């Protein structure tokens, strides 16, 4: 369920959000999760933020 939230947030923001912003948005929606768990789930999914040049 948490992985689905992470994918949804990434998709809504055109994959511009990294670990920190996704972590903050989840906690803003009152979904209690640690930053390291968000990082681990994003790594497992292969999702990364787009790097601006």
Protein backbone atom coordinates (compact mmCIF):
# COMPACT_ATOMS: atom_id res chain seq x y z
CA UNK A 1 0.00 0.00 0.00
CA UNK A 2 2.81 2.39 0.85
CA UNK A 3 4.58 1.61 -2.44
CA UNK A 4 1.39 2.55 -4.31
CA UNK A 5 1.30 5.93 -2.52
CA UNK A 6 4.94 6.56 -3.46
CA UNK A 7 4.25 5.73 -7.12
CA UNK A 8 1.18 7.97 -7.14
CA UNK A 9 3.06 10.94 -5.69
CA UNK A 10 5.88 10.41 -8.18
CA UNK A 11 3.46 10.24 -11.08
CA UNK A 12 1.52 13.33 -9.96
CA UNK A 13 4.73 15.35 -9.81
CA UNK A 14 6.19 14.03 -13.07
CA UNK A 15 8.92 12.14 -11.17
CA UNK A 16 10.56 15.36 -10.03
CA UNK A 17 10.29 14.46 -6.35
CA UNK A 18 13.12 12.70 -4.60
CA UNK A 19 13.10 10.83 -1.31
CA UNK A 20 12.91 13.91 0.91
CA UNK A 21 9.94 15.53 -0.83
CA UNK A 22 7.99 12.27 -1.05
CA UNK A 23 8.72 11.64 2.63
CA UNK A 24 7.45 15.12 3.54
CA UNK A 25 4.31 14.74 1.42
CA UNK A 26 3.46 11.35 2.95
CA UNK A 27 3.85 12.74 6.46
CA UNK A 28 1.76 15.75 5.42
CA UNK A 29 -1.00 13.33 4.44
CA UNK A 30 -0.66 11.81 7.93
CA UNK A 31 0.93 8.59 6.65
CA UNK A 32 3.53 7.81 9.29
CA UNK A 33 6.68 6.51 7.60
CA UNK A 34 10.40 6.96 8.02
CA UNK A 35 12.66 8.56 5.43
CA UNK A 36 14.83 5.46 5.15
CA UNK A 37 11.80 3.29 4.42
CA UNK A 38 10.71 5.64 1.63
CA UNK A 39 14.25 5.50 0.24
CA UNK A 40 14.33 1.70 0.40
CA UNK A 41 10.94 1.35 -1.33
CA UNK A 42 11.90 3.80 -4.06
CA UNK A 43 15.12 1.88 -4.64
CA UNK A 44 13.21 -1.42 -4.88
CA UNK A 45 10.80 0.12 -7.39
CA UNK A 46 13.63 1.65 -9.39
CA UNK A 47 12.09 5.13 -9.15
CA UNK A 48 14.39 8.14 -9.14
CA UNK A 49 13.90 11.85 -9.31
CA UNK A 50 14.79 13.53 -12.56
CA UNK A 51 17.93 15.60 -12.22
CA UNK A 52 17.65 19.12 -13.60
CA UNK A 53 20.58 20.35 -15.62
